[in-house]
Amino acid sequence: MLEITPSAEGLTVEAPAKVNLTLRVLGTRDDGYHDLESVVAAVSLFDTLLLQPAGEVSLVCRGGDVPDGEDNLVMMAARALAAECGVRRGARIELEKRIPAGRGFGGGSSDAAATLIGLNALWGCGLGREDLARLGATVGSDVPLFFALPVAVVRGRGERVESVAASPPWWVVLAWPDFGLSTAEVYAAYDRLGVPGGNRPAATAILPRLAGPSGGARPFLMNDLEAAADSIRGGRMDVRACLEGAGGVSVGMTGSGSAYFALADTGAEARRLAQAARAAGTHVHVARLLVDGQEQRETPS
């Protein structure tokens, strides 16, 4: 994950999207954050960062509606690393956005992690991945996750991350509407609604199912934030209904929304589902779960 590719133009790092296969809210912490447990997987939808030596740190964003100033997590990560290592040099960072923002795919956090990896090499800081993950936690709660993927269990507010030795064979249809959802607003709605009822499995109950058919994961694709996200959707497009209406069986919401995913066992199944979901009005991307940072290849039938 987050491997560096050198070229004559500079250093390139691909930053993957993630999906929360499960997400449980276990309570509220003293620091105001929510205590979470989640099983997360990286998928083959990438932003790309190109880093080049320069006199000062600057950021150019292409694609996507994201800021390119100091509020961008890429700039925050660059500033944090420079301060940590006493770096006085700069870098020109070009960010090609493909991961839609505000949908629960973690693109901003992934970009920040990729920035730390790339600038650590460009500036010769010599920090290990554990140190970079620790520094990433000061930039954003989800940043450390991307040093532990392709599959990981996340706990706390996101700072406690454990890599999982798993290689789910599934295809994934990512689907999202034209609107995003504010994470802060979704958590506020969760606090108003209270804990979801029913006997819900632990977030980690899905782990023994990761090697089997995608249908076996269906009962475990729980996201405690889904009802809260649905309550502030305001009658706009129901992406779960679109995926299930298109034939999706194992469907879940990622992060705090507004995106959903559907698991499939073959590329043909995923493409059929994506075509139907697109016809229903959603944006879609057919992806694979990543294995050691690499996209899996379809096994010939």
Protein backbone atom coordinates (compact mmCIF):
# COMPACT_ATOMS: atom_id res chain seq x y z
CA MET A 1 0.00 0.00 0.00
CA LEU A 2 1.07 3.59 -0.70
CA GLU A 3 4.06 2.53 -2.76
CA ILE A 4 6.29 5.19 -4.35
CA THR A 5 6.98 5.18 -8.09
CA PRO A 6 9.94 7.39 -9.10
CA SER A 7 10.14 8.95 -12.56
CA ALA A 8 11.81 11.84 -14.35
CA GLU A 9 8.84 14.00 -13.31
CA GLY A 10 9.12 13.25 -9.58
CA LEU A 11 7.66 10.78 -7.12
CA THR A 12 4.17 9.34 -7.68
CA VAL A 13 2.02 7.76 -4.96
CA GLU A 14 -1.42 6.25 -5.52
CA ALA A 15 -3.87 6.81 -2.66
CA PRO A 16 -6.67 4.20 -2.50
CA ALA A 17 -10.25 4.59 -1.37
CA LYS A 18 -11.61 2.46 1.47
CA VAL A 19 -14.91 0.91 2.40
CA ASN A 20 -16.10 0.16 5.91
CA LEU A 21 -17.33 -3.42 5.66
CA THR A 22 -18.60 -3.00 9.21
CA LEU A 23 -18.82 -0.04 11.58
CA ARG A 24 -20.01 -0.17 15.18
CA VAL A 25 -20.29 2.85 17.51
CA LEU A 26 -19.42 1.64 21.00
CA GLY A 27 -19.91 4.88 22.92
CA THR A 28 -18.75 8.47 23.36
CA ARG A 29 -15.26 9.25 24.62
CA ASP A 30 -14.24 11.87 27.15
CA ASP A 31 -12.58 13.88 24.36
CA GLY A 32 -15.89 14.17 22.51
CA TYR A 33 -15.06 11.66 19.80
CA HIS A 34 -17.05 8.46 19.36
CA ASP A 35 -15.47 5.12 20.23
CA LEU A 36 -15.58 2.95 17.11
CA GLU A 37 -14.80 -0.54 15.93
CA SER A 38 -14.71 -1.14 12.18
CA VAL A 39 -13.38 -3.60 9.63
CA VAL A 40 -12.04 -1.63 6.68
CA ALA A 41 -10.77 -2.69 3.25
CA ALA A 42 -8.94 -0.78 0.52
CA VAL A 43 -10.44 -0.82 -2.97
CA SER A 44 -9.12 -0.10 -6.45
CA LEU A 45 -10.27 3.50 -6.79
CA PHE A 46 -7.29 5.84 -6.52
CA ASP A 47 -6.27 9.45 -6.24
CA THR A 48 -2.78 10.10 -7.63
CA LEU A 49 -0.17 12.44 -6.12
CA LEU A 50 2.91 13.68 -7.98
CA LEU A 51 5.55 15.27 -5.74
CA GLN A 52 8.41 17.37 -7.08
CA PRO A 53 11.18 19.39 -5.36
CA ALA A 54 10.40 23.10 -5.02
CA GLY A 55 11.32 26.11 -2.94
CA GLU A 56 8.06 26.05 -0.99
CA VAL A 57 5.15 23.72 -0.39
CA SER A 58 2.29 24.17 -2.84
CA LEU A 59 -0.70 22.09 -3.94
CA VAL A 60 -2.53 21.90 -7.26
CA CYS A 61 -5.77 19.86 -7.33
CA ARG A 62 -7.30 18.51 -10.53
CA GLY A 63 -10.73 16.90 -10.54
CA GLY A 64 -13.16 16.86 -7.66
CA ASP A 65 -14.50 19.73 -5.59
CA VAL A 66 -11.81 19.99 -2.92
CA PRO A 67 -9.82 22.98 -1.61
CA ASP A 68 -6.20 23.37 -2.65
CA GLY A 69 -5.19 25.67 0.21
CA GLU A 70 -4.08 25.12 3.79
CA ASP A 71 -7.39 23.46 4.70
CA ASN A 72 -6.59 20.47 2.49
CA LEU A 73 -5.34 17.45 4.46
CA VAL A 74 -2.48 17.14 1.98
CA MET A 75 -1.15 20.55 3.03
CA MET A 76 -1.73 19.75 6.69
CA ALA A 77 0.26 16.53 6.32
CA ALA A 78 3.09 18.33 4.53
CA ARG A 79 3.27 21.01 7.22
CA ALA A 80 3.20 18.40 9.99
CA LEU A 81 6.05 16.40 8.46
CA ALA A 82 8.15 19.52 7.84
CA ALA A 83 7.70 20.58 11.47
CA GLU A 84 8.43 17.09 12.80
CA CYS A 85 11.68 16.77 10.84
CA GLY A 86 12.78 20.41 10.75
CA VAL A 87 12.60 20.48 6.95
CA ARG A 88 13.12 23.85 5.30
CA ARG A 89 12.66 22.69 1.72
CA GLY A 90 9.42 22.66 -0.21
CA ALA A 91 7.55 20.53 -2.71
CA ARG A 92 5.12 21.02 -5.53
CA ILE A 93 2.27 18.54 -5.08
CA GLU A 94 -0.14 17.73 -7.89
CA LEU A 95 -3.25 15.86 -6.73
CA GLU A 96 -5.43 14.13 -9.31
CA LYS A 97 -8.77 13.47 -7.59
CA ARG A 98 -10.88 10.49 -8.58
CA ILE A 99 -12.26 9.55 -5.14
CA PRO A 100 -15.40 11.65 -4.54
CA ALA A 101 -15.28 13.73 -1.37
CA GLY A 102 -17.89 13.57 1.37
CA ARG A 103 -19.07 10.08 0.47
CA GLY A 104 -17.31 7.93 3.12
CA PHE A 105 -14.43 6.67 0.96
CA GLY A 106 -11.70 8.36 3.02
CA GLY A 107 -10.06 10.03 0.04
CA GLY A 108 -8.75 13.03 1.98
CA SER A 109 -7.19 10.84 4.66
CA SER A 110 -5.67 8.56 2.04
CA ASP A 111 -4.21 11.58 0.25
CA ALA A 112 -2.68 12.77 3.53
CA ALA A 113 -1.10 9.36 4.16
CA ALA A 114 0.27 9.30 0.61
CA THR A 115 1.71 12.78 1.14
CA LEU A 116 3.54 11.66 4.27
CA ILE A 117 4.96 8.63 2.46
CA GLY A 118 6.03 10.65 -0.58
CA LEU A 119 7.50 13.65 1.20
CA ASN A 120 9.29 11.43 3.69
CA ALA A 121 11.17 10.02 0.69
CA LEU A 122 11.52 13.30 -1.22
CA TRP A 123 12.91 15.15 1.79
CA GLY A 124 14.98 12.23 3.11
CA CYS A 125 13.34 12.36 6.55
CA GLY A 126 13.99 8.68 7.25
CA LEU A 127 10.83 8.06 9.30
CA GLY A 128 9.36 4.56 9.43
CA ARG A 129 5.73 3.82 8.66
CA GLU A 130 4.80 3.58 12.35
CA ASP A 131 6.18 7.08 12.92
CA LEU A 132 4.37 8.37 9.85
CA ALA A 133 1.11 6.79 11.03
CA ARG A 134 1.55 8.41 14.44
CA LEU A 135 2.13 11.76 12.78
CA GLY A 136 -0.85 11.16 10.51
CA ALA A 137 -3.11 10.81 13.55
CA THR A 138 -2.41 14.49 14.35
CA VAL A 139 -3.70 15.41 10.88
CA GLY A 140 -6.89 13.33 10.82
CA SER A 141 -8.47 10.40 12.66
CA ASP A 142 -8.57 8.14 9.59
CA VAL A 143 -5.03 8.80 8.34
CA PRO A 144 -3.29 6.00 10.34
CA LEU A 145 -5.66 3.47 8.78
CA PHE A 146 -4.03 3.80 5.37
CA PHE A 147 -0.69 2.60 6.72
CA ALA A 148 -2.34 -0.68 7.83
CA LEU A 149 -4.50 -1.60 4.83
CA PRO A 150 -5.42 -3.46 2.59
CA VAL A 151 -7.57 -4.95 5.39
CA ALA A 152 -7.57 -3.66 8.95
CA VAL A 153 -9.56 -3.41 12.15
CA VAL A 154 -9.90 0.16 13.43
CA ARG A 155 -10.72 1.02 17.03
CA GLY A 156 -10.99 4.08 19.24
CA ARG A 157 -11.46 7.26 17.22
CA GLY A 158 -9.38 5.69 14.46
CA GLU A 159 -5.94 5.85 16.06
CA ARG A 160 -5.79 2.15 17.05
CA VAL A 161 -5.30 0.14 13.88
CA GLU A 162 -4.54 -3.55 13.44
CA SER A 163 -3.69 -5.08 10.07
CA VAL A 164 -5.57 -8.26 9.19
CA ALA A 165 -4.09 -11.06 7.08
CA ALA A 166 -7.01 -11.51 4.72
CA SER A 167 -7.50 -11.52 0.96
CA PRO A 168 -11.23 -11.23 0.24
CA PRO A 169 -11.80 -12.41 -3.35
CA TRP A 170 -14.76 -10.14 -3.97
CA TRP A 171 -15.52 -7.52 -6.53
CA VAL A 172 -17.09 -4.31 -5.21
CA VAL A 173 -19.58 -1.99 -6.87
CA LEU A 174 -19.17 1.48 -5.37
CA ALA A 175 -22.22 3.72 -5.75
CA TRP A 176 -22.82 7.29 -4.63
CA PRO A 177 -25.32 10.12 -5.21
CA ASP A 178 -24.75 13.71 -6.30
CA PHE A 179 -24.71 14.89 -2.69
CA GLY A 180 -22.29 14.27 0.16
CA LEU A 181 -23.00 14.12 3.87
CA SER A 182 -21.19 15.98 6.65
CA THR A 183 -19.55 13.53 9.06
CA ALA A 184 -20.20 15.91 11.97
CA GLU A 185 -23.89 16.16 11.06
CA VAL A 186 -24.24 12.38 10.78
CA TYR A 187 -22.71 11.85 14.23
CA ALA A 188 -24.94 14.59 15.67
CA ALA A 189 -27.95 12.79 14.21
CA TYR A 190 -26.67 9.52 15.66
CA ASP A 191 -26.50 11.11 19.11
CA ARG A 192 -30.08 12.33 18.73
CA LEU A 193 -31.40 8.97 17.55
CA GLY A 194 -29.51 6.83 20.04
CA VAL A 195 -28.02 3.38 19.64
CA PRO A 196 -29.62 1.19 16.93
CA GLY A 197 -31.83 -1.53 18.35
CA GLY A 198 -31.73 -5.25 17.75
CA ASN A 199 -29.14 -7.93 18.30
CA ARG A 200 -26.32 -6.67 16.09
CA PRO A 201 -23.10 -8.65 15.52
CA ALA A 202 -19.72 -7.33 16.60
CA ALA A 203 -17.81 -5.46 13.92
CA THR A 204 -15.17 -8.18 13.82
CA ALA A 205 -17.72 -11.00 13.36
CA ILE A 206 -17.23 -10.63 9.61
CA LEU A 207 -13.56 -11.63 9.74
CA PRO A 208 -14.11 -15.42 9.37
CA ARG A 209 -16.26 -14.71 6.29
CA LEU A 210 -13.67 -12.73 4.34
CA ALA A 211 -12.39 -15.75 2.42
CA GLY A 212 -15.80 -17.11 1.42
CA PRO A 213 -18.51 -16.13 -1.07
CA SER A 214 -19.80 -12.57 -0.85
CA GLY A 215 -23.28 -13.73 0.15
CA GLY A 216 -21.87 -15.04 3.43
CA ALA A 217 -20.92 -11.50 4.41
CA ARG A 218 -24.45 -10.15 4.06
CA PRO A 219 -25.60 -10.57 7.71
CA PHE A 220 -22.46 -8.83 8.96
CA LEU A 221 -22.45 -5.65 6.82
CA MET A 222 -23.63 -3.48 9.72
CA ASN A 223 -23.05 0.27 9.95
CA ASP A 224 -24.42 1.92 13.08
CA LEU A 225 -24.38 5.34 11.35
CA GLU A 226 -26.73 4.33 8.54
CA ALA A 227 -29.97 5.29 10.26
CA ALA A 228 -28.48 8.66 11.20
CA ALA A 229 -27.27 9.25 7.65
CA ASP A 230 -30.68 8.26 6.31
CA SER A 231 -32.40 10.71 8.67
CA ILE A 232 -30.57 13.69 7.17
CA ARG A 233 -30.74 12.49 3.57
CA GLY A 234 -33.89 14.58 3.25
CA GLY A 235 -35.74 12.46 0.74
CA ARG A 236 -32.88 12.52 -1.75
CA MET A 237 -31.70 9.45 -3.64
CA ASP A 238 -31.73 6.20 -1.65
CA VAL A 239 -28.54 4.51 -2.87
CA ARG A 240 -29.15 1.30 -0.91
CA ALA A 241 -32.52 0.93 -2.62
CA CYS A 242 -30.85 1.53 -5.99
CA LEU A 243 -28.26 -1.19 -5.41
CA GLU A 244 -30.73 -3.68 -3.99
CA GLY A 245 -33.18 -2.91 -6.77
CA ALA A 246 -30.38 -3.56 -9.26
CA GLY A 247 -29.89 -7.03 -7.76
CA GLY A 248 -27.34 -6.35 -5.02
CA VAL A 249 -27.50 -8.87 -2.18
CA SER A 250 -24.61 -7.96 0.12
CA VAL A 251 -24.96 -4.17 0.40
CA GLY A 252 -23.51 -1.80 2.98
CA MET A 253 -22.87 1.89 3.66
CA THR A 254 -19.28 3.09 3.96
CA GLY A 255 -18.20 5.55 6.64
CA SER A 256 -20.82 8.16 7.41
CA GLY A 257 -22.20 8.01 3.85
CA SER A 258 -23.45 9.01 1.42
CA ALA A 259 -21.87 6.17 -0.60
CA TYR A 260 -22.78 2.49 -0.52
CA PHE A 261 -21.16 -0.63 -1.88
CA ALA A 262 -22.35 -4.02 -3.09
CA LEU A 263 -20.18 -7.14 -3.03
CA ALA A 264 -20.05 -9.55 -5.97
CA ASP A 265 -18.23 -12.81 -6.64
CA THR A 266 -17.35 -12.25 -10.30
CA GLY A 267 -16.53 -9.35 -12.55
CA ALA A 268 -19.48 -10.16 -14.78
CA GLU A 269 -21.86 -10.01 -11.80
CA ALA A 270 -20.34 -6.71 -10.66
CA ARG A 271 -20.61 -5.15 -14.11
CA ARG A 272 -24.26 -6.20 -14.49
CA LEU A 273 -25.05 -4.72 -11.09
CA ALA A 274 -23.17 -1.52 -11.88
CA GLN A 275 -25.00 -1.07 -15.17
CA ALA A 276 -28.37 -1.40 -13.47
CA ALA A 277 -27.40 0.91 -10.60
CA ARG A 278 -26.14 3.53 -13.06
CA ALA A 279 -29.41 3.33 -14.94
CA ALA A 280 -31.17 4.05 -11.63
CA GLY A 281 -29.26 7.33 -11.39
CA THR A 282 -26.25 6.63 -9.16
CA HIS A 283 -22.59 7.23 -9.91
CA VAL A 284 -20.79 3.88 -9.93
CA HIS A 285 -17.30 2.43 -10.05
CA VAL A 286 -16.49 -1.28 -10.33
CA ALA A 287 -13.52 -2.14 -8.11
CA ARG A 288 -11.62 -4.98 -6.52
CA LEU A 289 -10.51 -5.28 -2.94
CA LEU A 290 -6.75 -4.79 -2.79
CA VAL A 291 -4.26 -7.44 -1.70
CA ASP A 292 -0.94 -6.06 -0.40
CA GLY A 293 -1.73 -2.85 -2.25
CA GLN A 294 -2.25 -4.59 -5.61
CA GLU A 295 -5.50 -5.06 -7.49
CA GLN A 296 -6.56 -8.68 -7.71
CA ARG A 297 -6.93 -10.19 -11.16
CA GLU A 298 -10.04 -12.04 -12.22
CA THR A 299 -9.58 -15.81 -12.29
CA PRO A 300 -10.61 -17.22 -15.68
CA SER A 301 -13.79 -19.30 -15.46
